[in-house]
Amino acid sequence: MPAVALSVALTLLLTACGRNMFDQAKVEPFESSTYFEDGAGMQVPPPNAISRERGGLDPAFLTGQNAQGMLTELPFELTVEVLQRGKDRFDIYCSPCHNYNGDGTGAVVRRGFPQPPSFVDEPRLLAAPVGYFYNAITNGFGRMFSYASRVAPEDRWAISAYVKALQLSQNADPSDIPEGAEVTLPNTEAAR
């Protein structure tokens, strides 16, 4: 019996040797193919295909807009963690041009690159819905190139939420505080 087991194990081991799958005939990305009518090796997924990575998603999640226009709300729950993730991603990808405070005077602008509009002063951007920022990150806008291949959709939404929070923080009024909310300001005399 041990000889049979050894023989089977050896057979399985030997059949696994080699680079059969690596060396097999296949179409590499961007190569042409005679198998498909259009001659392209890479094909567009069929309509209504479900992503293996994210499952079935509302198209608005990936575009920032629906039939009514740009989304005015996040497509998921806004949490402190989402805002923190948005801040982290904003600091990495956006602050070189838009600056950490969103005023459009980032490091590359101070070195001669054209200045983008301010997120916190420009009335058009202050009124823009969250979907507008998501769409701009996804598709690019003006001199800004698309970040779709660099920033995951979830992170683009987090950045967009952070931009709206940044706008609110720079343009808030005491009347914006809801009735009954407890507000604690730092003791300015103790800091002196």
N, C-alpha and C. Protein backbone atom coordinates (compact mmCIF):
# COMPACT_ATOMS: atom_id res chain seq x y z
N MET A 1 0.81 -1.20 0.00
CA MET A 1 0.00 0.00 0.00
C MET A 1 0.86 1.27 0.00
N PRO A 2 1.96 1.32 0.81
CA PRO A 2 2.79 2.52 0.78
C PRO A 2 3.43 2.76 -0.59
N ALA A 3 3.70 1.69 -1.32
CA ALA A 3 4.30 1.86 -2.64
C ALA A 3 3.31 2.51 -3.59
N VAL A 4 2.02 2.18 -3.47
CA VAL A 4 1.00 2.79 -4.33
C VAL A 4 0.86 4.27 -4.00
N ALA A 5 0.83 4.59 -2.71
CA ALA A 5 0.71 5.99 -2.29
C ALA A 5 1.91 6.80 -2.77
N LEU A 6 3.11 6.23 -2.64
CA LEU A 6 4.31 6.89 -3.11
C LEU A 6 4.27 7.09 -4.61
N SER A 7 3.81 6.08 -5.32
CA SER A 7 3.70 6.15 -6.77
C SER A 7 2.73 7.24 -7.21
N VAL A 8 1.57 7.33 -6.55
CA VAL A 8 0.58 8.36 -6.88
C VAL A 8 1.14 9.75 -6.56
N ALA A 9 1.77 9.91 -5.41
CA ALA A 9 2.34 11.19 -5.03
C ALA A 9 3.43 11.62 -6.01
N LEU A 10 4.27 10.69 -6.42
CA LEU A 10 5.33 10.99 -7.37
C LEU A 10 4.76 11.37 -8.72
N THR A 11 3.71 10.69 -9.15
CA THR A 11 3.06 11.00 -10.43
C THR A 11 2.47 12.41 -10.39
N LEU A 12 1.77 12.74 -9.29
CA LEU A 12 1.19 14.07 -9.16
C LEU A 12 2.26 15.15 -9.12
N LEU A 13 3.35 14.87 -8.43
CA LEU A 13 4.44 15.83 -8.33
C LEU A 13 5.08 16.07 -9.69
N LEU A 14 5.31 15.01 -10.43
CA LEU A 14 5.95 15.16 -11.74
C LEU A 14 5.06 15.85 -12.75
N THR A 15 3.74 15.65 -12.67
CA THR A 15 2.85 16.33 -13.62
C THR A 15 2.75 17.81 -13.32
N ALA A 16 3.06 18.22 -12.09
CA ALA A 16 3.01 19.63 -11.73
C ALA A 16 4.27 20.36 -12.17
N CYS A 17 5.31 19.62 -12.53
CA CYS A 17 6.56 20.25 -12.94
C CYS A 17 6.41 20.87 -14.32
N GLY A 18 7.21 21.84 -14.58
CA GLY A 18 7.20 22.47 -15.89
C GLY A 18 6.49 23.81 -15.85
N ARG A 19 6.54 24.49 -16.96
CA ARG A 19 5.93 25.81 -17.07
C ARG A 19 4.84 25.77 -18.13
N ASN A 20 4.06 24.69 -18.10
CA ASN A 20 3.05 24.49 -19.13
C ASN A 20 2.12 25.68 -19.29
N MET A 21 1.60 26.17 -18.18
CA MET A 21 0.64 27.26 -18.28
C MET A 21 1.32 28.56 -18.70
N PHE A 22 2.55 28.76 -18.28
CA PHE A 22 3.26 29.97 -18.67
C PHE A 22 3.59 29.94 -20.16
N ASP A 23 3.95 28.79 -20.66
CA ASP A 23 4.37 28.66 -22.05
C ASP A 23 3.22 28.39 -23.01
N GLN A 24 2.01 28.20 -22.52
CA GLN A 24 0.90 27.86 -23.40
C GLN A 24 0.53 29.01 -24.33
N ALA A 25 -0.15 28.69 -25.39
CA ALA A 25 -0.62 29.72 -26.32
C ALA A 25 -1.68 30.56 -25.62
N LYS A 26 -1.50 31.87 -25.68
CA LYS A 26 -2.46 32.77 -25.05
C LYS A 26 -2.31 34.15 -25.68
N VAL A 27 -3.29 34.99 -25.44
CA VAL A 27 -3.26 36.36 -25.94
C VAL A 27 -2.85 37.26 -24.79
N GLU A 28 -1.78 38.00 -24.98
CA GLU A 28 -1.31 38.95 -23.97
C GLU A 28 -2.16 40.22 -24.06
N PRO A 29 -2.19 41.03 -23.00
CA PRO A 29 -2.93 42.28 -23.06
C PRO A 29 -2.49 43.15 -24.24
N PHE A 30 -3.45 43.75 -24.90
CA PHE A 30 -3.25 44.66 -26.04
C PHE A 30 -2.77 43.97 -27.31
N GLU A 31 -2.65 42.64 -27.32
CA GLU A 31 -2.31 41.92 -28.54
C GLU A 31 -3.57 41.71 -29.37
N SER A 32 -3.38 41.54 -30.66
CA SER A 32 -4.51 41.22 -31.52
C SER A 32 -4.81 39.73 -31.42
N SER A 33 -6.02 39.36 -31.84
CA SER A 33 -6.44 37.97 -31.78
C SER A 33 -7.33 37.67 -32.96
N THR A 34 -7.13 36.51 -33.56
CA THR A 34 -7.99 36.09 -34.66
C THR A 34 -9.25 35.41 -34.14
N TYR A 35 -9.32 35.16 -32.86
CA TYR A 35 -10.47 34.47 -32.27
C TYR A 35 -11.71 35.35 -32.28
N PHE A 36 -11.56 36.66 -32.02
CA PHE A 36 -12.69 37.57 -31.95
C PHE A 36 -12.87 38.31 -33.28
N GLU A 37 -14.10 38.65 -33.59
CA GLU A 37 -14.40 39.32 -34.85
C GLU A 37 -13.71 40.66 -35.00
N ASP A 38 -13.60 41.41 -33.90
CA ASP A 38 -12.99 42.74 -33.99
C ASP A 38 -11.46 42.69 -34.01
N GLY A 39 -10.89 41.50 -33.84
CA GLY A 39 -9.44 41.34 -33.90
C GLY A 39 -8.70 41.74 -32.63
N ALA A 40 -9.41 42.19 -31.61
CA ALA A 40 -8.77 42.61 -30.37
C ALA A 40 -8.73 41.45 -29.39
N GLY A 41 -7.64 41.32 -28.66
CA GLY A 41 -7.53 40.27 -27.65
C GLY A 41 -8.28 40.61 -26.38
N MET A 42 -8.30 41.90 -26.03
CA MET A 42 -9.03 42.35 -24.84
C MET A 42 -10.44 42.74 -25.26
N GLN A 43 -11.43 42.25 -24.56
CA GLN A 43 -12.82 42.50 -24.92
C GLN A 43 -13.53 43.28 -23.84
N VAL A 44 -14.51 44.07 -24.26
CA VAL A 44 -15.35 44.81 -23.32
C VAL A 44 -16.27 43.82 -22.64
N PRO A 45 -16.45 43.93 -21.34
CA PRO A 45 -17.36 43.00 -20.66
C PRO A 45 -18.77 43.10 -21.24
N PRO A 46 -19.50 42.02 -21.26
CA PRO A 46 -20.86 42.06 -21.81
C PRO A 46 -21.75 42.95 -20.95
N PRO A 47 -22.85 43.44 -21.52
CA PRO A 47 -23.76 44.29 -20.74
C PRO A 47 -24.24 43.57 -19.48
N ASN A 48 -24.41 44.32 -18.41
CA ASN A 48 -24.89 43.81 -17.12
C ASN A 48 -23.95 42.81 -16.46
N ALA A 49 -22.67 42.82 -16.84
CA ALA A 49 -21.69 41.96 -16.19
C ALA A 49 -21.48 42.45 -14.76
N ILE A 50 -21.29 41.55 -13.83
CA ILE A 50 -21.10 41.88 -12.43
C ILE A 50 -19.61 41.82 -12.11
N SER A 51 -19.11 42.86 -11.46
CA SER A 51 -17.71 42.92 -11.08
C SER A 51 -17.39 41.85 -10.04
N ARG A 52 -16.31 41.13 -10.23
CA ARG A 52 -15.87 40.16 -9.21
C ARG A 52 -15.32 40.89 -7.99
N GLU A 53 -14.74 42.05 -8.23
CA GLU A 53 -14.10 42.79 -7.15
C GLU A 53 -15.11 43.48 -6.25
N ARG A 54 -16.16 44.11 -6.84
CA ARG A 54 -17.08 44.91 -6.05
C ARG A 54 -18.52 44.42 -6.10
N GLY A 55 -18.83 43.41 -6.89
CA GLY A 55 -20.20 42.93 -6.99
C GLY A 55 -21.04 43.88 -7.83
N GLY A 56 -22.36 43.75 -7.74
CA GLY A 56 -23.26 44.61 -8.50
C GLY A 56 -23.33 45.99 -7.87
N LEU A 57 -22.99 47.01 -8.63
CA LEU A 57 -22.98 48.38 -8.12
C LEU A 57 -23.93 49.25 -8.92
N ASP A 58 -24.49 50.21 -8.25
CA ASP A 58 -25.26 51.24 -8.94
C ASP A 58 -24.26 52.04 -9.78
N PRO A 59 -24.54 52.29 -11.05
CA PRO A 59 -23.59 53.06 -11.87
C PRO A 59 -23.25 54.43 -11.27
N ALA A 60 -24.14 55.00 -10.48
CA ALA A 60 -23.87 56.30 -9.85
C ALA A 60 -22.67 56.22 -8.91
N PHE A 61 -22.41 55.06 -8.34
CA PHE A 61 -21.26 54.89 -7.44
C PHE A 61 -19.95 55.11 -8.21
N LEU A 62 -19.93 54.73 -9.48
CA LEU A 62 -18.70 54.83 -10.26
C LEU A 62 -18.62 56.12 -11.08
N THR A 63 -19.73 56.84 -11.23
CA THR A 63 -19.73 58.06 -12.05
C THR A 63 -19.95 59.33 -11.26
N GLY A 64 -20.60 59.23 -10.10
CA GLY A 64 -20.91 60.43 -9.31
C GLY A 64 -22.18 61.12 -9.75
N GLN A 65 -22.90 60.51 -10.69
CA GLN A 65 -24.13 61.13 -11.16
C GLN A 65 -25.19 60.08 -11.47
N ASN A 66 -26.44 60.52 -11.38
CA ASN A 66 -27.56 59.66 -11.74
C ASN A 66 -28.43 60.40 -12.75
N ALA A 67 -29.64 59.94 -12.99
CA ALA A 67 -30.51 60.57 -13.98
C ALA A 67 -30.84 62.02 -13.63
N GLN A 68 -30.83 62.37 -12.35
CA GLN A 68 -31.13 63.74 -11.92
C GLN A 68 -29.92 64.67 -11.97
N GLY A 69 -28.74 64.14 -12.17
CA GLY A 69 -27.52 64.95 -12.23
C GLY A 69 -26.50 64.45 -11.21
N MET A 70 -25.62 65.35 -10.78
CA MET A 70 -24.58 64.99 -9.82
C MET A 70 -25.20 64.61 -8.48
N LEU A 71 -24.63 63.59 -7.84
CA LEU A 71 -25.14 63.14 -6.54
C LEU A 71 -24.87 64.21 -5.49
N THR A 72 -25.86 64.42 -4.65
CA THR A 72 -25.72 65.40 -3.58
C THR A 72 -25.37 64.74 -2.25
N GLU A 73 -25.46 63.42 -2.20
CA GLU A 73 -25.15 62.66 -0.99
C GLU A 73 -24.17 61.55 -1.34
N LEU A 74 -23.39 61.12 -0.36
CA LEU A 74 -22.50 59.97 -0.56
C LEU A 74 -23.34 58.72 -0.79
N PRO A 75 -22.84 57.78 -1.59
CA PRO A 75 -23.59 56.54 -1.81
C PRO A 75 -23.42 55.53 -0.68
N PHE A 76 -22.81 55.93 0.41
CA PHE A 76 -22.66 55.09 1.60
C PHE A 76 -22.67 56.01 2.82
N GLU A 77 -22.69 55.43 4.00
CA GLU A 77 -22.78 56.20 5.23
C GLU A 77 -21.51 57.01 5.48
N LEU A 78 -21.69 58.26 5.85
CA LEU A 78 -20.57 59.13 6.20
C LEU A 78 -20.19 58.87 7.66
N THR A 79 -18.93 58.52 7.87
CA THR A 79 -18.42 58.26 9.22
C THR A 79 -17.14 59.06 9.43
N VAL A 80 -16.69 59.10 10.65
CA VAL A 80 -15.43 59.76 10.97
C VAL A 80 -14.29 59.07 10.23
N GLU A 81 -14.38 57.73 10.14
CA GLU A 81 -13.32 56.97 9.45
C GLU A 81 -13.27 57.33 7.97
N VAL A 82 -14.43 57.54 7.34
CA VAL A 82 -14.47 57.93 5.93
C VAL A 82 -13.81 59.31 5.77
N LEU A 83 -14.15 60.24 6.64
CA LEU A 83 -13.53 61.58 6.55
C LEU A 83 -12.03 61.52 6.80
N GLN A 84 -11.59 60.69 7.75
CA GLN A 84 -10.15 60.56 8.00
C GLN A 84 -9.45 59.96 6.79
N ARG A 85 -10.07 58.95 6.18
CA ARG A 85 -9.49 58.35 4.97
C ARG A 85 -9.44 59.39 3.85
N GLY A 86 -10.51 60.19 3.73
CA GLY A 86 -10.53 61.25 2.72
C GLY A 86 -9.44 62.27 2.95
N LYS A 87 -9.22 62.64 4.21
CA LYS A 87 -8.14 63.59 4.53
C LYS A 87 -6.79 63.00 4.15
N ASP A 88 -6.57 61.74 4.52
CA ASP A 88 -5.29 61.09 4.20
C ASP A 88 -5.05 61.06 2.69
N ARG A 89 -6.06 60.67 1.92
CA ARG A 89 -5.92 60.60 0.46
C ARG A 89 -5.80 61.99 -0.15
N PHE A 90 -6.54 62.97 0.40
CA PHE A 90 -6.44 64.35 -0.08
C PHE A 90 -5.02 64.86 0.11
N ASP A 91 -4.46 64.62 1.30
CA ASP A 91 -3.10 65.08 1.58
C ASP A 91 -2.09 64.48 0.62
N ILE A 92 -2.32 63.24 0.21
CA ILE A 92 -1.39 62.57 -0.71
C ILE A 92 -1.58 63.05 -2.15
N TYR A 93 -2.80 62.98 -2.65
CA TYR A 93 -3.04 63.19 -4.07
C TYR A 93 -3.41 64.63 -4.45
N CYS A 94 -4.05 65.36 -3.57
CA CYS A 94 -4.63 66.65 -3.94
C CYS A 94 -3.83 67.85 -3.44
N SER A 95 -3.23 67.73 -2.26
CA SER A 95 -2.57 68.89 -1.64
C SER A 95 -1.40 69.45 -2.46
N PRO A 96 -0.69 68.67 -3.28
CA PRO A 96 0.39 69.30 -4.04
C PRO A 96 -0.09 70.48 -4.89
N CYS A 97 -1.30 70.41 -5.40
CA CYS A 97 -1.86 71.53 -6.17
C CYS A 97 -2.83 72.36 -5.34
N HIS A 98 -3.75 71.69 -4.64
CA HIS A 98 -4.85 72.38 -3.96
C HIS A 98 -4.49 72.85 -2.56
N ASN A 99 -3.35 72.49 -2.04
CA ASN A 99 -2.87 72.82 -0.69
C ASN A 99 -3.68 72.05 0.36
N TYR A 100 -3.14 71.94 1.53
CA TYR A 100 -3.78 71.19 2.61
C TYR A 100 -5.10 71.82 3.06
N ASN A 101 -5.23 73.14 2.90
CA ASN A 101 -6.46 73.81 3.32
C ASN A 101 -7.42 74.05 2.16
N GLY A 102 -7.08 73.60 0.95
CA GLY A 102 -7.98 73.70 -0.19
C GLY A 102 -8.00 75.05 -0.89
N ASP A 103 -7.06 75.95 -0.55
CA ASP A 103 -7.09 77.29 -1.15
C ASP A 103 -6.44 77.37 -2.53
N GLY A 104 -5.86 76.27 -3.02
CA GLY A 104 -5.29 76.25 -4.36
C GLY A 104 -3.87 76.74 -4.46
N THR A 105 -3.18 76.86 -3.34
CA THR A 105 -1.79 77.35 -3.38
C THR A 105 -0.84 76.28 -2.88
N GLY A 106 -0.93 75.09 -3.46
CA GLY A 106 -0.07 73.98 -3.05
C GLY A 106 1.38 74.19 -3.46
N ALA A 107 2.20 73.21 -3.11
CA ALA A 107 3.64 73.31 -3.34
C ALA A 107 4.00 73.50 -4.81
N VAL A 108 3.33 72.80 -5.72
CA VAL A 108 3.67 72.94 -7.14
C VAL A 108 3.23 74.29 -7.68
N VAL A 109 2.17 74.85 -7.11
CA VAL A 109 1.71 76.18 -7.52
C VAL A 109 2.73 77.22 -7.09
N ARG A 110 3.26 77.07 -5.88
CA ARG A 110 4.27 78.01 -5.39
C ARG A 110 5.57 77.92 -6.21
N ARG A 111 5.71 76.89 -6.99
CA ARG A 111 6.90 76.73 -7.83
C ARG A 111 6.60 77.01 -9.31
N GLY A 112 5.44 77.62 -9.58
CA GLY A 112 5.17 78.07 -10.94
C GLY A 112 4.07 77.37 -11.70
N PHE A 113 3.53 76.29 -11.17
CA PHE A 113 2.44 75.60 -11.87
C PHE A 113 1.17 76.45 -11.78
N PRO A 114 0.31 76.44 -12.81
CA PRO A 114 -0.91 77.25 -12.76
C PRO A 114 -1.79 76.90 -11.55
N GLN A 115 -2.36 77.92 -10.94
CA GLN A 115 -3.15 77.73 -9.72
C GLN A 115 -4.56 77.24 -10.03
N PRO A 116 -4.98 76.16 -9.35
CA PRO A 116 -6.38 75.71 -9.50
C PRO A 116 -7.29 76.61 -8.67
N PRO A 117 -8.59 76.59 -8.93
CA PRO A 117 -9.49 77.41 -8.12
C PRO A 117 -9.52 76.93 -6.68
N SER A 118 -9.84 77.84 -5.79
CA SER A 118 -9.92 77.52 -4.37
C SER A 118 -11.20 76.76 -4.06
N PHE A 119 -11.09 75.69 -3.32
CA PHE A 119 -12.29 74.95 -2.87
C PHE A 119 -13.06 75.75 -1.83
N VAL A 120 -12.38 76.61 -1.10
CA VAL A 120 -12.99 77.25 0.07
C VAL A 120 -13.44 78.69 -0.19
N ASP A 121 -13.08 79.28 -1.34
CA ASP A 121 -13.47 80.65 -1.64
C ASP A 121 -14.32 80.79 -2.90
N GLU A 122 -14.19 79.88 -3.82
CA GLU A 122 -14.87 79.94 -5.11
C GLU A 122 -16.36 79.60 -4.93
N PRO A 123 -17.28 80.55 -5.15
CA PRO A 123 -18.72 80.29 -4.95
C PRO A 123 -19.24 79.10 -5.76
N ARG A 124 -18.75 78.95 -6.99
CA ARG A 124 -19.19 77.83 -7.83
C ARG A 124 -18.85 76.49 -7.18
N LEU A 125 -17.67 76.38 -6.59
CA LEU A 125 -17.26 75.12 -5.96
C LEU A 125 -17.90 74.94 -4.58
N LEU A 126 -18.17 76.03 -3.90
CA LEU A 126 -18.85 75.93 -2.61
C LEU A 126 -20.27 75.37 -2.80
N ALA A 127 -20.89 75.70 -3.93
CA ALA A 127 -22.25 75.23 -4.20
C ALA A 127 -22.28 73.86 -4.88
N ALA A 128 -21.12 73.38 -5.32
CA ALA A 128 -21.08 72.12 -6.06
C ALA A 128 -21.42 70.94 -5.15
N PRO A 129 -22.20 69.97 -5.67
CA PRO A 129 -22.51 68.78 -4.86
C PRO A 129 -21.31 67.84 -4.77
N VAL A 130 -21.37 66.91 -3.85
CA VAL A 130 -20.27 65.97 -3.63
C VAL A 130 -19.97 65.15 -4.89
N GLY A 131 -20.99 64.85 -5.68
CA GLY A 131 -20.78 64.10 -6.92
C GLY A 131 -19.92 64.84 -7.93
N TYR A 132 -19.95 66.18 -7.88
CA TYR A 132 -19.13 66.98 -8.78
C TYR A 132 -17.65 66.71 -8.53
N PHE A 133 -17.26 66.69 -7.27
CA PHE A 133 -15.86 66.46 -6.92
C PHE A 133 -15.44 65.04 -7.28
N TYR A 134 -16.34 64.07 -7.02
CA TYR A 134 -16.05 62.69 -7.39
C TYR A 134 -15.83 62.59 -8.90
N ASN A 135 -16.70 63.23 -9.67
CA ASN A 135 -16.60 63.18 -11.13
C ASN A 135 -15.31 63.84 -11.61
N ALA A 136 -14.92 64.95 -10.99
CA ALA A 136 -13.68 65.62 -11.38
C ALA A 136 -12.46 64.76 -11.07
N ILE A 137 -12.46 64.09 -9.93
CA ILE A 137 -11.35 63.20 -9.59
C ILE A 137 -11.29 62.04 -10.58
N THR A 138 -12.45 61.51 -10.93
CA THR A 138 -12.52 60.36 -11.82
C THR A 138 -12.11 60.70 -13.24
N ASN A 139 -12.61 61.81 -13.78
CA ASN A 139 -12.42 62.14 -15.19
C ASN A 139 -11.40 63.23 -15.45
N GLY A 140 -10.94 63.89 -14.40
CA GLY A 140 -10.06 65.03 -14.58
C GLY A 140 -10.89 66.27 -14.90
N PHE A 141 -10.26 67.43 -14.79
CA PHE A 141 -10.95 68.67 -15.09
C PHE A 141 -9.90 69.73 -15.39
N GLY A 142 -10.05 70.43 -16.51
CA GLY A 142 -9.06 71.44 -16.89
C GLY A 142 -7.68 70.83 -17.04
N ARG A 143 -6.71 71.34 -16.30
CA ARG A 143 -5.34 70.82 -16.36
C ARG A 143 -5.16 69.55 -15.53
N MET A 144 -6.12 69.30 -14.65
CA MET A 144 -6.01 68.12 -13.78
C MET A 144 -6.34 66.85 -14.56
N PHE A 145 -5.45 65.88 -14.51
CA PHE A 145 -5.70 64.62 -15.20
C PHE A 145 -6.55 63.70 -14.34
N SER A 146 -7.06 62.66 -14.95
CA SER A 146 -7.90 61.69 -14.24
C SER A 146 -7.10 60.92 -13.21
N TYR A 147 -7.72 60.72 -12.06
CA TYR A 147 -7.11 59.89 -11.01
C TYR A 147 -7.81 58.54 -10.90
N ALA A 148 -8.63 58.18 -11.88
CA ALA A 148 -9.39 56.93 -11.82
C ALA A 148 -8.49 55.72 -11.70
N SER A 149 -7.33 55.75 -12.35
CA SER A 149 -6.43 54.59 -12.29
C SER A 149 -5.53 54.63 -11.06
N ARG A 150 -5.53 55.73 -10.33
CA ARG A 150 -4.63 55.88 -9.18
C ARG A 150 -5.35 55.80 -7.84
N VAL A 151 -6.63 56.19 -7.83
CA VAL A 151 -7.39 56.26 -6.59
C VAL A 151 -8.65 55.40 -6.72
N ALA A 152 -8.83 54.47 -5.82
CA ALA A 152 -9.99 53.58 -5.84
C ALA A 152 -11.29 54.38 -5.70
N PRO A 153 -12.40 53.89 -6.25
CA PRO A 153 -13.67 54.63 -6.14
C PRO A 153 -14.05 54.99 -4.71
N GLU A 154 -13.85 54.07 -3.78
CA GLU A 154 -14.20 54.36 -2.38
C GLU A 154 -13.38 55.53 -1.85
N ASP A 155 -12.10 55.59 -2.23
CA ASP A 155 -11.24 56.68 -1.78
C ASP A 155 -11.60 57.99 -2.48
N ARG A 156 -12.06 57.92 -3.75
CA ARG A 156 -12.51 59.14 -4.43
C ARG A 156 -13.72 59.73 -3.72
N TRP A 157 -14.63 58.86 -3.26
CA TRP A 157 -15.78 59.34 -2.50
C TRP A 157 -15.33 59.93 -1.17
N ALA A 158 -14.37 59.28 -0.52
CA ALA A 158 -13.87 59.79 0.77
C ALA A 158 -13.22 61.16 0.59
N ILE A 159 -12.45 61.33 -0.47
CA ILE A 159 -11.83 62.63 -0.76
C ILE A 159 -12.91 63.67 -1.00
N SER A 160 -13.93 63.31 -1.77
CA SER A 160 -15.02 64.25 -2.07
C SER A 160 -15.74 64.68 -0.80
N ALA A 161 -15.98 63.72 0.09
CA ALA A 161 -16.62 64.05 1.38
C ALA A 161 -15.72 64.97 2.18
N TYR A 162 -14.43 64.71 2.17
CA TYR A 162 -13.49 65.55 2.91
C TYR A 162 -13.46 66.97 2.34
N VAL A 163 -13.52 67.11 1.01
CA VAL A 163 -13.53 68.45 0.41
C VAL A 163 -14.76 69.22 0.89
N LYS A 164 -15.92 68.55 0.92
CA LYS A 164 -17.13 69.23 1.42
C LYS A 164 -16.97 69.60 2.89
N ALA A 165 -16.36 68.73 3.70
CA ALA A 165 -16.12 69.04 5.11
C ALA A 165 -15.12 70.19 5.24
N LEU A 166 -14.10 70.20 4.39
CA LEU A 166 -13.11 71.28 4.38
C LEU A 166 -13.78 72.61 4.05
N GLN A 167 -14.68 72.60 3.07
CA GLN A 167 -15.41 73.82 2.72
C GLN A 167 -16.24 74.31 3.90
N LEU A 168 -16.92 73.38 4.54
CA LEU A 168 -17.75 73.75 5.69
C LEU A 168 -16.89 74.31 6.83
N SER A 169 -15.75 73.68 7.07
CA SER A 169 -14.89 74.13 8.18
C SER A 169 -14.34 75.53 7.94
N GLN A 170 -14.12 75.89 6.70
CA GLN A 170 -13.54 77.20 6.38
C GLN A 170 -14.60 78.28 6.21
N ASN A 171 -15.87 77.86 6.10
CA ASN A 171 -16.94 78.82 5.86
C ASN A 171 -18.10 78.66 6.83
N ALA A 172 -17.85 78.06 7.98
CA ALA A 172 -18.92 77.81 8.95
C ALA A 172 -19.31 79.09 9.68
N ASP A 173 -20.53 79.11 10.12
CA ASP A 173 -21.09 80.23 10.87
C ASP A 173 -21.64 79.66 12.17
N PRO A 174 -21.61 80.38 13.27
CA PRO A 174 -22.17 79.84 14.52
C PRO A 174 -23.62 79.38 14.38
N SER A 175 -24.37 79.99 13.45
CA SER A 175 -25.76 79.57 13.26
C SER A 175 -25.86 78.19 12.61
N ASP A 176 -24.75 77.68 12.09
CA ASP A 176 -24.76 76.33 11.50
C ASP A 176 -24.79 75.23 12.55
N ILE A 177 -24.47 75.58 13.80
CA ILE A 177 -24.46 74.58 14.87
C ILE A 177 -25.90 74.25 15.25
N PRO A 178 -26.26 72.97 15.22
CA PRO A 178 -27.64 72.60 15.54
C PRO A 178 -28.00 72.97 16.97
N GLU A 179 -29.28 73.30 17.18
CA GLU A 179 -29.79 73.64 18.50
C GLU A 179 -29.55 72.48 19.45
N GLY A 180 -29.01 72.75 20.61
CA GLY A 180 -28.80 71.72 21.62
C GLY A 180 -27.46 71.01 21.51
N ALA A 181 -26.69 71.29 20.47
CA ALA A 181 -25.38 70.65 20.32
C ALA A 181 -24.41 71.31 21.28
N GLU A 182 -23.65 70.50 21.97
CA GLU A 182 -22.68 71.03 22.92
C GLU A 182 -21.38 71.35 22.20
N VAL A 183 -20.93 72.57 22.33
CA VAL A 183 -19.70 72.99 21.66
C VAL A 183 -18.71 73.40 22.74
N THR A 184 -17.53 72.81 22.69
CA THR A 184 -16.49 73.14 23.65
C THR A 184 -15.34 73.77 22.89
N LEU A 185 -15.06 75.02 23.22
CA LEU A 185 -13.95 75.72 22.60
C LEU A 185 -12.74 75.65 23.51
N PRO A 186 -11.56 75.59 22.94
CA PRO A 186 -10.36 75.54 23.79
C PRO A 186 -10.23 76.82 24.62
N ASN A 187 -9.70 76.68 25.81
CA ASN A 187 -9.50 77.82 26.69
C ASN A 187 -8.31 78.62 26.16
N THR A 188 -8.61 79.76 25.58
CA THR A 188 -7.53 80.55 24.96
C THR A 188 -6.61 81.16 26.01
N GLU A 189 -7.09 81.48 27.22
CA GLU A 189 -6.24 82.08 28.25
C GLU A 189 -5.25 81.06 28.79
N ALA A 190 -5.68 79.79 28.89
CA ALA A 190 -4.78 78.76 29.40
C ALA A 190 -3.64 78.48 28.43
N ALA A 191 -3.88 78.75 27.14
CA ALA A 191 -2.86 78.49 26.13
C ALA A 191 -1.77 79.55 26.15
N ARG A 192 -2.04 80.69 26.77
CA ARG A 192 -1.04 81.78 26.77
C ARG A 192 0.04 81.55 27.71
